[in-house]
């Protein structure tokens, strides 16, 4: 095959030369390790390492790993305690044995489900 017939790759992001990145992967996210099955937002969540992000347009906290994706209805509130500079997530135990997932954004807001 001569070079005249070789396929040229351009520098355009859609040329196949660059890895494709979805809109979801561009947003901020944090990692959360769940050690045992837990009920969050009315759903039973299996143990594992999850990538956590906030879908503000749909008001959801999304947990995803290679096997599963959970989208939990979320509410936002002012951050309790000092504001952080990076996204952070943790599990918080509330009244009557209920467990919440809290996602703190850099803007001083927390989303919880």
PDB file of N, CA and C in Angstrom:
ATOM      1  N   UNK A   1       0.845  -1.166   0.000  1.00  0.00           N
ATOM      2  CA  UNK A   1       0.000   0.000   0.000  1.00  0.00           C
ATOM      3  C   UNK A   1       0.892   1.231   0.000  1.00  0.00           C
ATOM      4  N   UNK A   2       0.638   2.115  -0.891  1.00  0.00           N
ATOM      5  CA  UNK A   2       1.442   3.322  -0.952  1.00  0.00           C
ATOM      6  C   UNK A   2       0.930   4.360   0.028  1.00  0.00           C
ATOM      7  N   UNK A   3       1.764   5.316   0.325  1.00  0.00           N
ATOM      8  CA  UNK A   3       1.374   6.370   1.246  1.00  0.00           C
ATOM      9  C   UNK A   3       0.278   7.262   0.683  1.00  0.00           C
ATOM     10  N   UNK A   4       0.131   7.281  -0.607  1.00  0.00           N
ATOM     11  CA  UNK A   4      -0.911   8.108  -1.216  1.00  0.00           C
ATOM     12  C   UNK A   4      -2.304   7.602  -0.873  1.00  0.00           C
ATOM     13  N   UNK A   5      -2.414   6.314  -0.579  1.00  0.00           N
ATOM     14  CA  UNK A   5      -3.720   5.741  -0.263  1.00  0.00           C
ATOM     15  C   UNK A   5      -3.911   5.495   1.239  1.00  0.00           C
ATOM     16  N   UNK A   6      -2.916   5.838   2.035  1.00  0.00           N
ATOM     17  CA  UNK A   6      -3.028   5.628   3.487  1.00  0.00           C
ATOM     18  C   UNK A   6      -4.022   6.627   4.082  1.00  0.00           C
ATOM     19  N   UNK A   7      -4.746   6.181   5.066  1.00  0.00           N
ATOM     20  CA  UNK A   7      -5.731   7.030   5.733  1.00  0.00           C
ATOM     21  C   UNK A   7      -5.000   8.003   6.648  1.00  0.00           C
ATOM     22  N   UNK A   8      -5.281   9.266   6.495  1.00  0.00           N
ATOM     23  CA  UNK A   8      -4.654  10.289   7.334  1.00  0.00           C
ATOM     24  C   UNK A   8      -5.578  10.628   8.487  1.00  0.00           C
ATOM     25  N   UNK A   9      -5.001  10.739   9.669  1.00  0.00           N
ATOM     26  CA  UNK A   9      -5.772  11.125  10.841  1.00  0.00           C
ATOM     27  C   UNK A   9      -5.575  12.607  11.084  1.00  0.00           C
ATOM     28  N   UNK A  10      -6.655  13.306  11.211  1.00  0.00           N
ATOM     29  CA  UNK A  10      -6.566  14.738  11.452  1.00  0.00           C
ATOM     30  C   UNK A  10      -6.491  14.995  12.956  1.00  0.00           C
ATOM     31  N   UNK A  11      -6.327  16.234  13.322  1.00  0.00           N
ATOM     32  CA  UNK A  11      -6.306  16.610  14.735  1.00  0.00           C
ATOM     33  C   UNK A  11      -7.699  16.899  15.277  1.00  0.00           C
ATOM     34  N   UNK A  12      -8.723  16.671  14.517  1.00  0.00           N
ATOM     35  CA  UNK A  12     -10.098  16.901  14.987  1.00  0.00           C
ATOM     36  C   UNK A  12     -10.460  15.855  16.027  1.00  0.00           C
ATOM     37  N   UNK A  13     -11.190  16.235  17.084  1.00  0.00           N
ATOM     38  CA  UNK A  13     -11.539  15.274  18.148  1.00  0.00           C
ATOM     39  C   UNK A  13     -12.375  14.104  17.669  1.00  0.00           C
ATOM     40  N   UNK A  14     -13.055  14.215  16.540  1.00  0.00           N
ATOM     41  CA  UNK A  14     -13.892  13.125  16.054  1.00  0.00           C
ATOM     42  C   UNK A  14     -13.188  12.263  15.023  1.00  0.00           C
ATOM     43  N   UNK A  15     -11.902  12.432  14.843  1.00  0.00           N
ATOM     44  CA  UNK A  15     -11.186  11.714  13.793  1.00  0.00           C
ATOM     45  C   UNK A  15     -10.871  10.271  14.151  1.00  0.00           C
ATOM     46  N   UNK A  16     -11.004   9.888  15.417  1.00  0.00           N
ATOM     47  CA  UNK A  16     -10.626   8.541  15.828  1.00  0.00           C
ATOM     48  C   UNK A  16      -9.228   8.503  16.407  1.00  0.00           C
ATOM     49  N   UNK A  17      -8.479   9.568  16.246  1.00  0.00           N
ATOM     50  CA  UNK A  17      -7.130   9.649  16.788  1.00  0.00           C
ATOM     51  C   UNK A  17      -7.166   9.891  18.290  1.00  0.00           C
ATOM     52  N   UNK A  18      -8.179  10.602  18.767  1.00  0.00           N
ATOM     53  CA  UNK A  18      -8.320  10.905  20.184  1.00  0.00           C
ATOM     54  C   UNK A  18      -9.366   9.989  20.806  1.00  0.00           C
ATOM     55  N   UNK A  19      -9.164   9.673  22.060  1.00  0.00           N
ATOM     56  CA  UNK A  19     -10.161   8.876  22.776  1.00  0.00           C
ATOM     57  C   UNK A  19     -11.436   9.692  22.920  1.00  0.00           C
ATOM     58  N   UNK A  20     -12.559   9.043  22.741  1.00  0.00           N
ATOM     59  CA  UNK A  20     -13.839   9.744  22.883  1.00  0.00           C
ATOM     60  C   UNK A  20     -14.198   9.835  24.365  1.00  0.00           C
ATOM     61  N   UNK A  21     -14.583  11.006  24.776  1.00  0.00           N
ATOM     62  CA  UNK A  21     -14.967  11.242  26.157  1.00  0.00           C
ATOM     63  C   UNK A  21     -16.405  11.712  26.157  1.00  0.00           C
ATOM     64  N   UNK A  22     -17.246  11.027  26.907  1.00  0.00           N
ATOM     65  CA  UNK A  22     -18.644  11.420  26.968  1.00  0.00           C
ATOM     66  C   UNK A  22     -18.799  12.642  27.862  1.00  0.00           C
ATOM     67  N   UNK A  23     -19.941  13.280  27.780  1.00  0.00           N
ATOM     68  CA  UNK A  23     -20.217  14.473  28.586  1.00  0.00           C
ATOM     69  C   UNK A  23     -20.198  14.134  30.078  1.00  0.00           C
ATOM     70  N   UNK A  24     -20.628  12.930  30.418  1.00  0.00           N
ATOM     71  CA  UNK A  24     -20.657  12.502  31.814  1.00  0.00           C
ATOM     72  C   UNK A  24     -19.251  12.444  32.397  1.00  0.00           C
ATOM     73  N   UNK A  25     -18.286  11.962  31.621  1.00  0.00           N
ATOM     74  CA  UNK A  25     -16.928  11.800  32.113  1.00  0.00           C
ATOM     75  C   UNK A  25     -16.202  13.129  32.273  1.00  0.00           C
ATOM     76  N   UNK A  26     -16.717  14.185  31.691  1.00  0.00           N
ATOM     77  CA  UNK A  26     -16.075  15.488  31.808  1.00  0.00           C
ATOM     78  C   UNK A  26     -16.390  16.172  33.127  1.00  0.00           C
ATOM     79  N   UNK A  27     -17.502  15.830  33.743  1.00  0.00           N
ATOM     80  CA  UNK A  27     -17.914  16.474  34.984  1.00  0.00           C
ATOM     81  C   UNK A  27     -17.115  15.986  36.170  1.00  0.00           C
ATOM     82  N   UNK A  28     -17.154  16.737  37.272  1.00  0.00           N
ATOM     83  CA  UNK A  28     -16.424  16.317  38.468  1.00  0.00           C
ATOM     84  C   UNK A  28     -17.059  15.084  39.103  1.00  0.00           C
ATOM     85  N   UNK A  29     -16.227  14.264  39.688  1.00  0.00           N
ATOM     86  CA  UNK A  29     -16.718  13.069  40.354  1.00  0.00           C
ATOM     87  C   UNK A  29     -15.787  12.735  41.512  1.00  0.00           C
ATOM     88  N   UNK A  30     -16.254  11.864  42.372  1.00  0.00           N
ATOM     89  CA  UNK A  30     -15.473  11.400  43.514  1.00  0.00           C
ATOM     90  C   UNK A  30     -15.674   9.896  43.641  1.00  0.00           C
ATOM     91  N   UNK A  31     -14.786   9.251  44.355  1.00  0.00           N
ATOM     92  CA  UNK A  31     -14.879   7.806  44.569  1.00  0.00           C
ATOM     93  C   UNK A  31     -15.422   7.532  45.964  1.00  0.00           C
ATOM     94  N   UNK A  32     -16.220   6.481  46.076  1.00  0.00           N
ATOM     95  CA  UNK A  32     -16.785   6.077  47.360  1.00  0.00           C
ATOM     96  C   UNK A  32     -16.753   4.562  47.445  1.00  0.00           C
ATOM     97  N   UNK A  33     -16.167   4.049  48.510  1.00  0.00           N
ATOM     98  CA  UNK A  33     -16.121   2.605  48.761  1.00  0.00           C
ATOM     99  C   UNK A  33     -17.253   2.257  49.713  1.00  0.00           C
ATOM    100  N   UNK A  34     -18.135   1.343  49.298  1.00  0.00           N
ATOM    101  CA  UNK A  34     -19.230   0.865  50.140  1.00  0.00           C
ATOM    102  C   UNK A  34     -18.880  -0.560  50.538  1.00  0.00           C
ATOM    103  N   UNK A  35     -18.739  -0.786  51.845  1.00  0.00           N
ATOM    104  CA  UNK A  35     -18.250  -2.069  52.352  1.00  0.00           C
ATOM    105  C   UNK A  35     -19.331  -3.150  52.390  1.00  0.00           C
ATOM    106  N   UNK A  36     -20.573  -2.773  52.636  1.00  0.00           N
ATOM    107  CA  UNK A  36     -21.651  -3.764  52.737  1.00  0.00           C
ATOM    108  C   UNK A  36     -22.920  -3.192  52.124  1.00  0.00           C
ATOM    109  N   UNK A  37     -23.894  -4.079  51.877  1.00  0.00           N
ATOM    110  CA  UNK A  37     -25.162  -3.607  51.293  1.00  0.00           C
ATOM    111  C   UNK A  37     -25.789  -2.563  52.197  1.00  0.00           C
ATOM    112  N   UNK A  38     -26.267  -1.492  51.564  1.00  0.00           N
ATOM    113  CA  UNK A  38     -26.855  -0.399  52.331  1.00  0.00           C
ATOM    114  C   UNK A  38     -28.037   0.161  51.535  1.00  0.00           C
ATOM    115  N   UNK A  39     -29.039   0.651  52.254  1.00  0.00           N
ATOM    116  CA  UNK A  39     -30.194   1.266  51.617  1.00  0.00           C
ATOM    117  C   UNK A  39     -29.966   2.765  51.543  1.00  0.00           C
ATOM    118  N   UNK A  40     -29.920   3.285  50.311  1.00  0.00           N
ATOM    119  CA  UNK A  40     -29.747   4.713  50.064  1.00  0.00           C
ATOM    120  C   UNK A  40     -30.866   5.183  49.142  1.00  0.00           C
ATOM    121  N   UNK A  41     -31.552   6.213  49.530  1.00  0.00           N
ATOM    122  CA  UNK A  41     -32.610   6.759  48.675  1.00  0.00           C
ATOM    123  C   UNK A  41     -33.676   5.747  48.318  1.00  0.00           C
ATOM    124  N   UNK A  42     -33.949   4.805  49.207  1.00  0.00           N
ATOM    125  CA  UNK A  42     -34.959   3.788  48.953  1.00  0.00           C
ATOM    126  C   UNK A  42     -34.492   2.637  48.077  1.00  0.00           C
ATOM    127  N   UNK A  43     -33.220   2.563  47.743  1.00  0.00           N
ATOM    128  CA  UNK A  43     -32.677   1.491  46.912  1.00  0.00           C
ATOM    129  C   UNK A  43     -31.599   0.745  47.676  1.00  0.00           C
ATOM    130  N   UNK A  44     -31.517  -0.552  47.481  1.00  0.00           N
ATOM    131  CA  UNK A  44     -30.440  -1.344  48.068  1.00  0.00           C
ATOM    132  C   UNK A  44     -29.231  -1.246  47.146  1.00  0.00           C
ATOM    133  N   UNK A  45     -28.110  -0.774  47.703  1.00  0.00           N
ATOM    134  CA  UNK A  45     -26.884  -0.585  46.948  1.00  0.00           C
ATOM    135  C   UNK A  45     -25.914  -1.702  47.306  1.00  0.00           C
ATOM    136  N   UNK A  46     -25.395  -2.391  46.292  1.00  0.00           N
ATOM    137  CA  UNK A  46     -24.440  -3.475  46.509  1.00  0.00           C
ATOM    138  C   UNK A  46     -23.082  -2.910  46.907  1.00  0.00           C
ATOM    139  N   UNK A  47     -22.288  -3.680  47.665  1.00  0.00           N
ATOM    140  CA  UNK A  47     -20.959  -3.199  48.042  1.00  0.00           C
ATOM    141  C   UNK A  47     -20.040  -3.076  46.833  1.00  0.00           C
ATOM    142  N   UNK A  48     -19.060  -2.172  46.951  1.00  0.00           N
ATOM    143  CA  UNK A  48     -18.092  -1.991  45.879  1.00  0.00           C
ATOM    144  C   UNK A  48     -17.570  -0.570  45.836  1.00  0.00           C
ATOM    145  N   UNK A  49     -16.710  -0.314  44.879  1.00  0.00           N
ATOM    146  CA  UNK A  49     -16.139   1.007  44.676  1.00  0.00           C
ATOM    147  C   UNK A  49     -16.956   1.711  43.603  1.00  0.00           C
ATOM    148  N   UNK A  50     -17.486   2.880  43.918  1.00  0.00           N
ATOM    149  CA  UNK A  50     -18.362   3.613  43.014  1.00  0.00           C
ATOM    150  C   UNK A  50     -17.778   4.969  42.659  1.00  0.00           C
ATOM    151  N   UNK A  51     -18.031   5.393  41.439  1.00  0.00           N
ATOM    152  CA  UNK A  51     -17.753   6.758  41.005  1.00  0.00           C
ATOM    153  C   UNK A  51     -19.037   7.529  41.253  1.00  0.00           C
ATOM    154  N   UNK A  52     -18.952   8.620  42.006  1.00  0.00           N
ATOM    155  CA  UNK A  52     -20.134   9.389  42.398  1.00  0.00           C
ATOM    156  C   UNK A  52     -20.082  10.743  41.714  1.00  0.00           C
ATOM    157  N   UNK A  53     -21.192  11.136  41.111  1.00  0.00           N
ATOM    158  CA  UNK A  53     -21.303  12.453  40.492  1.00  0.00           C
ATOM    159  C   UNK A  53     -22.709  12.981  40.735  1.00  0.00           C
ATOM    160  N   UNK A  54     -22.879  14.282  40.521  1.00  0.00           N
ATOM    161  CA  UNK A  54     -24.174  14.917  40.696  1.00  0.00           C
ATOM    162  C   UNK A  54     -24.699  15.327  39.331  1.00  0.00           C
ATOM    163  N   UNK A  55     -25.914  14.910  39.016  1.00  0.00           N
ATOM    164  CA  UNK A  55     -26.600  15.346  37.801  1.00  0.00           C
ATOM    165  C   UNK A  55     -27.570  16.445  38.240  1.00  0.00           C
ATOM    166  N   UNK A  56     -27.101  17.691  38.194  1.00  0.00           N
ATOM    167  CA  UNK A  56     -27.896  18.802  38.694  1.00  0.00           C
ATOM    168  C   UNK A  56     -29.140  19.047  37.858  1.00  0.00           C
ATOM    169  N   UNK A  57     -29.091  18.774  36.568  1.00  0.00           N
ATOM    170  CA  UNK A  57     -30.242  18.995  35.701  1.00  0.00           C
ATOM    171  C   UNK A  57     -31.420  18.108  36.090  1.00  0.00           C
ATOM    172  N   UNK A  58     -31.126  16.889  36.512  1.00  0.00           N
ATOM    173  CA  UNK A  58     -32.184  15.950  36.900  1.00  0.00           C
ATOM    174  C   UNK A  58     -32.315  15.811  38.412  1.00  0.00           C
ATOM    175  N   UNK A  59     -31.499  16.546  39.157  1.00  0.00           N
ATOM    176  CA  UNK A  59     -31.493  16.505  40.626  1.00  0.00           C
ATOM    177  C   UNK A  59     -31.306  15.075  41.121  1.00  0.00           C
ATOM    178  N   UNK A  60     -30.200  14.487  40.688  1.00  0.00           N
ATOM    179  CA  UNK A  60     -29.872  13.109  41.056  1.00  0.00           C
ATOM    180  C   UNK A  60     -28.423  13.010  41.495  1.00  0.00           C
ATOM    181  N   UNK A  61     -28.167  12.097  42.426  1.00  0.00           N
ATOM    182  CA  UNK A  61     -26.814  11.657  42.743  1.00  0.00           C
ATOM    183  C   UNK A  61     -26.659  10.318  42.039  1.00  0.00           C
ATOM    184  N   UNK A  62     -25.625  10.199  41.220  1.00  0.00           N
ATOM    185  CA  UNK A  62     -25.431   9.003  40.404  1.00  0.00           C
ATOM    186  C   UNK A  62     -24.220   8.242  40.921  1.00  0.00           C
ATOM    187  N   UNK A  63     -24.421   6.969  41.251  1.00  0.00           N
ATOM    188  CA  UNK A  63     -23.344   6.062  41.648  1.00  0.00           C
ATOM    189  C   UNK A  63     -23.175   5.074  40.510  1.00  0.00           C
ATOM    190  N   UNK A  64     -21.934   4.912  40.031  1.00  0.00           N
ATOM    191  CA  UNK A  64     -21.726   3.966  38.942  1.00  0.00           C
ATOM    192  C   UNK A  64     -20.385   3.262  39.093  1.00  0.00           C
ATOM    193  N   UNK A  65     -20.390   1.998  38.707  1.00  0.00           N
ATOM    194  CA  UNK A  65     -19.162   1.223  38.588  1.00  0.00           C
ATOM    195  C   UNK A  65     -19.280   0.372  37.338  1.00  0.00           C
ATOM    196  N   UNK A  66     -18.426  -0.607  37.165  1.00  0.00           N
ATOM    197  CA  UNK A  66     -18.442  -1.406  35.943  1.00  0.00           C
ATOM    198  C   UNK A  66     -19.713  -2.240  35.794  1.00  0.00           C
ATOM    199  N   UNK A  67     -20.333  -2.607  36.910  1.00  0.00           N
ATOM    200  CA  UNK A  67     -21.481  -3.500  36.868  1.00  0.00           C
ATOM    201  C   UNK A  67     -22.829  -2.786  36.930  1.00  0.00           C
ATOM    202  N   UNK A  68     -22.918  -1.715  37.722  1.00  0.00           N
ATOM    203  CA  UNK A  68     -24.217  -1.112  37.993  1.00  0.00           C
ATOM    204  C   UNK A  68     -24.167   0.408  37.959  1.00  0.00           C
ATOM    205  N   UNK A  69     -25.330   0.998  37.735  1.00  0.00           N
ATOM    206  CA  UNK A  69     -25.505   2.442  37.829  1.00  0.00           C
ATOM    207  C   UNK A  69     -26.775   2.709  38.613  1.00  0.00           C
ATOM    208  N   UNK A  70     -26.652   3.528  39.652  1.00  0.00           N
ATOM    209  CA  UNK A  70     -27.794   3.917  40.466  1.00  0.00           C
ATOM    210  C   UNK A  70     -27.972   5.429  40.357  1.00  0.00           C
ATOM    211  N   UNK A  71     -29.192   5.881  40.077  1.00  0.00           N
ATOM    212  CA  UNK A  71     -29.509   7.308  40.056  1.00  0.00           C
ATOM    213  C   UNK A  71     -30.511   7.558  41.181  1.00  0.00           C
ATOM    214  N   UNK A  72     -30.073   8.262  42.210  1.00  0.00           N
ATOM    215  CA  UNK A  72     -30.889   8.489  43.396  1.00  0.00           C
ATOM    216  C   UNK A  72     -31.413   9.919  43.408  1.00  0.00           C
ATOM    217  N   UNK A  73     -32.702  10.085  43.686  1.00  0.00           N
ATOM    218  CA  UNK A  73     -33.278  11.417  43.808  1.00  0.00           C
ATOM    219  C   UNK A  73     -32.589  12.139  44.952  1.00  0.00           C
ATOM    220  N   UNK A  74     -32.139  13.364  44.687  1.00  0.00           N
ATOM    221  CA  UNK A  74     -31.322  14.083  45.668  1.00  0.00           C
ATOM    222  C   UNK A  74     -31.913  15.457  45.969  1.00  0.00           C
ATOM    223  N   UNK A  75     -31.521  15.984  47.103  1.00  0.00           N
ATOM    224  CA  UNK A  75     -31.899  17.324  47.542  1.00  0.00           C
ATOM    225  C   UNK A  75     -30.618  18.067  47.878  1.00  0.00           C
ATOM    226  N   UNK A  76     -30.640  19.390  47.789  1.00  0.00           N
ATOM    227  CA  UNK A  76     -29.426  20.119  48.121  1.00  0.00           C
ATOM    228  C   UNK A  76     -29.655  20.997  49.333  1.00  0.00           C
ATOM    229  N   UNK A  77     -28.549  21.284  50.007  1.00  0.00           N
ATOM    230  CA  UNK A  77     -28.559  22.127  51.200  1.00  0.00           C
ATOM    231  C   UNK A  77     -27.223  22.854  51.275  1.00  0.00           C
ATOM    232  N   UNK A  78     -27.153  23.854  52.132  1.00  0.00           N
ATOM    233  CA  UNK A  78     -25.867  24.517  52.364  1.00  0.00           C
ATOM    234  C   UNK A  78     -24.927  23.528  53.035  1.00  0.00           C
ATOM    235  N   UNK A  79     -23.656  23.659  52.723  1.00  0.00           N
ATOM    236  CA  UNK A  79     -22.665  22.754  53.300  1.00  0.00           C
ATOM    237  C   UNK A  79     -22.587  22.953  54.805  1.00  0.00           C
ATOM    238  N   UNK A  80     -22.569  21.868  55.512  1.00  0.00           N
ATOM    239  CA  UNK A  80     -22.389  21.912  56.970  1.00  0.00           C
ATOM    240  C   UNK A  80     -20.901  21.867  57.250  1.00  0.00           C
ATOM    241  N   UNK A  81     -20.400  22.829  57.981  1.00  0.00           N
ATOM    242  CA  UNK A  81     -18.968  22.893  58.263  1.00  0.00           C
ATOM    243  C   UNK A  81     -18.265  23.722  57.214  1.00  0.00           C
ATOM    244  N   UNK A  82     -16.941  23.739  57.264  1.00  0.00           N
ATOM    245  CA  UNK A  82     -16.177  24.579  56.318  1.00  0.00           C
ATOM    246  C   UNK A  82     -16.305  24.075  54.884  1.00  0.00           C
ATOM    247  N   UNK A  83     -16.328  25.016  53.957  1.00  0.00           N
ATOM    248  CA  UNK A  83     -16.417  24.664  52.540  1.00  0.00           C
ATOM    249  C   UNK A  83     -15.095  24.060  52.081  1.00  0.00           C
ATOM    250  N   UNK A  84     -15.190  23.061  51.245  1.00  0.00           N
ATOM    251  CA  UNK A  84     -13.987  22.410  50.732  1.00  0.00           C
ATOM    252  C   UNK A  84     -13.691  22.921  49.323  1.00  0.00           C
ATOM    253  N   UNK A  85     -12.495  22.666  48.851  1.00  0.00           N
ATOM    254  CA  UNK A  85     -12.099  23.122  47.530  1.00  0.00           C
ATOM    255  C   UNK A  85     -12.256  22.046  46.474  1.00  0.00           C
ATOM    256  N   UNK A  86     -12.568  20.835  46.876  1.00  0.00           N
ATOM    257  CA  UNK A  86     -12.743  19.748  45.924  1.00  0.00           C
ATOM    258  C   UNK A  86     -14.024  18.989  46.252  1.00  0.00           C
ATOM    259  N   UNK A  87     -14.507  18.246  45.290  1.00  0.00           N
ATOM    260  CA  UNK A  87     -15.705  17.439  45.504  1.00  0.00           C
ATOM    261  C   UNK A  87     -15.373  16.303  46.459  1.00  0.00           C
ATOM    262  N   UNK A  88     -16.278  16.055  47.386  1.00  0.00           N
ATOM    263  CA  UNK A  88     -16.071  15.018  48.385  1.00  0.00           C
ATOM    264  C   UNK A  88     -17.386  14.305  48.610  1.00  0.00           C
ATOM    265  N   UNK A  89     -17.345  13.035  48.970  1.00  0.00           N
ATOM    266  CA  UNK A  89     -18.565  12.276  49.220  1.00  0.00           C
ATOM    267  C   UNK A  89     -18.363  11.321  50.392  1.00  0.00           C
ATOM    268  N   UNK A  90     -19.432  11.078  51.140  1.00  0.00           N
ATOM    269  CA  UNK A  90     -19.389  10.168  52.271  1.00  0.00           C
ATOM    270  C   UNK A  90     -20.789   9.689  52.610  1.00  0.00           C
ATOM    271  N   UNK A  91     -20.859   8.658  53.447  1.00  0.00           N
ATOM    272  CA  UNK A  91     -22.135   8.154  53.952  1.00  0.00           C
ATOM    273  C   UNK A  91     -22.374   8.770  55.328  1.00  0.00           C
ATOM    274  N   UNK A  92     -23.599   9.187  55.574  1.00  0.00           N
ATOM    275  CA  UNK A  92     -23.975   9.838  56.830  1.00  0.00           C
ATOM    276  C   UNK A  92     -25.150   9.078  57.426  1.00  0.00           C
ATOM    277  N   UNK A  93     -25.063   8.755  58.698  1.00  0.00           N
ATOM    278  CA  UNK A  93     -26.134   8.013  59.370  1.00  0.00           C
ATOM    279  C   UNK A  93     -27.059   8.997  60.060  1.00  0.00           C
ATOM    280  N   UNK A  94     -28.358   8.863  59.788  1.00  0.00           N
ATOM    281  CA  UNK A  94     -29.352   9.782  60.327  1.00  0.00           C
ATOM    282  C   UNK A  94     -30.240   9.118  61.355  1.00  0.00           C
ATOM    283  N   UNK A  95     -31.397   9.718  61.545  1.00  0.00           N
ATOM    284  CA  UNK A  95     -32.356   9.228  62.528  1.00  0.00           C
ATOM    285  C   UNK A  95     -32.947   7.885  62.105  1.00  0.00           C
ATOM    286  N   UNK A  96     -33.330   7.114  63.090  1.00  0.00           N
ATOM    287  CA  UNK A  96     -34.007   5.829  62.895  1.00  0.00           C
ATOM    288  C   UNK A  96     -33.196   4.862  62.026  1.00  0.00           C
ATOM    289  N   UNK A  97     -31.867   4.946  62.101  1.00  0.00           N
ATOM    290  CA  UNK A  97     -31.016   4.015  61.381  1.00  0.00           C
ATOM    291  C   UNK A  97     -30.938   4.244  59.884  1.00  0.00           C
ATOM    292  N   UNK A  98     -31.439   5.366  59.413  1.00  0.00           N
ATOM    293  CA  UNK A  98     -31.405   5.667  57.981  1.00  0.00           C
ATOM    294  C   UNK A  98     -30.019   6.169  57.573  1.00  0.00           C
ATOM    295  N   UNK A  99     -29.574   5.781  56.378  1.00  0.00           N
ATOM    296  CA  UNK A  99     -28.266   6.179  55.866  1.00  0.00           C
ATOM    297  C   UNK A  99     -28.457   7.073  54.649  1.00  0.00           C
ATOM    298  N   UNK A 100     -27.664   8.139  54.569  1.00  0.00           N
ATOM    299  CA  UNK A 100     -27.712   9.082  53.461  1.00  0.00           C
ATOM    300  C   UNK A 100     -26.346   9.120  52.787  1.00  0.00           C
ATOM    301  N   UNK A 101     -26.353   9.400  51.504  1.00  0.00           N
ATOM    302  CA  UNK A 101     -25.104   9.700  50.819  1.00  0.00           C
ATOM    303  C   UNK A 101     -25.057  11.214  50.656  1.00  0.00           C
ATOM    304  N   UNK A 102     -23.913  11.797  51.004  1.00  0.00           N
ATOM    305  CA  UNK A 102     -23.733  13.245  50.926  1.00  0.00           C
ATOM    306  C   UNK A 102     -22.608  13.527  49.948  1.00  0.00           C
ATOM    307  N   UNK A 103     -22.868  14.439  49.009  1.00  0.00           N
ATOM    308  CA  UNK A 103     -21.863  14.852  48.029  1.00  0.00           C
ATOM    309  C   UNK A 103     -21.670  16.346  48.195  1.00  0.00           C
ATOM    310  N   UNK A 104     -20.477  16.755  48.623  1.00  0.00           N
ATOM    311  CA  UNK A 104     -20.173  18.176  48.816  1.00  0.00           C
ATOM    312  C   UNK A 104     -19.440  18.696  47.594  1.00  0.00           C
ATOM    313  N   UNK A 105     -19.974  19.765  47.032  1.00  0.00           N
ATOM    314  CA  UNK A 105     -19.361  20.415  45.883  1.00  0.00           C
ATOM    315  C   UNK A 105     -18.493  21.565  46.355  1.00  0.00           C
ATOM    316  N   UNK A 106     -17.614  22.011  45.502  1.00  0.00           N
ATOM    317  CA  UNK A 106     -16.686  23.079  45.851  1.00  0.00           C
ATOM    318  C   UNK A 106     -17.398  24.403  46.095  1.00  0.00           C
ATOM    319  N   UNK A 107     -18.620  24.564  45.605  1.00  0.00           N
ATOM    320  CA  UNK A 107     -19.343  25.815  45.755  1.00  0.00           C
ATOM    321  C   UNK A 107     -19.972  25.983  47.135  1.00  0.00           C
ATOM    322  N   UNK A 108     -19.762  25.051  48.029  1.00  0.00           N
ATOM    323  CA  UNK A 108     -20.345  25.143  49.360  1.00  0.00           C
ATOM    324  C   UNK A 108     -21.746  24.575  49.448  1.00  0.00           C
ATOM    325  N   UNK A 109     -22.122  23.727  48.480  1.00  0.00           N
ATOM    326  CA  UNK A 109     -23.414  23.067  48.485  1.00  0.00           C
ATOM    327  C   UNK A 109     -23.207  21.569  48.719  1.00  0.00           C
ATOM    328  N   UNK A 110     -24.184  20.978  49.352  1.00  0.00           N
ATOM    329  CA  UNK A 110     -24.188  19.531  49.531  1.00  0.00           C
ATOM    330  C   UNK A 110     -25.452  18.983  48.901  1.00  0.00           C
ATOM    331  N   UNK A 111     -25.310  17.889  48.193  1.00  0.00           N
ATOM    332  CA  UNK A 111     -26.443  17.121  47.682  1.00  0.00           C
ATOM    333  C   UNK A 111     -26.524  15.862  48.517  1.00  0.00           C
ATOM    334  N   UNK A 112     -27.724  15.480  48.919  1.00  0.00           N
ATOM    335  CA  UNK A 112     -27.863  14.248  49.712  1.00  0.00           C
ATOM    336  C   UNK A 112     -29.068  13.446  49.228  1.00  0.00           C
ATOM    337  N   UNK A 113     -28.947  12.148  49.372  1.00  0.00           N
ATOM    338  CA  UNK A 113     -30.019  11.230  48.963  1.00  0.00           C
ATOM    339  C   UNK A 113     -30.141  10.138  50.011  1.00  0.00           C
TER     340      UNK A 113
END
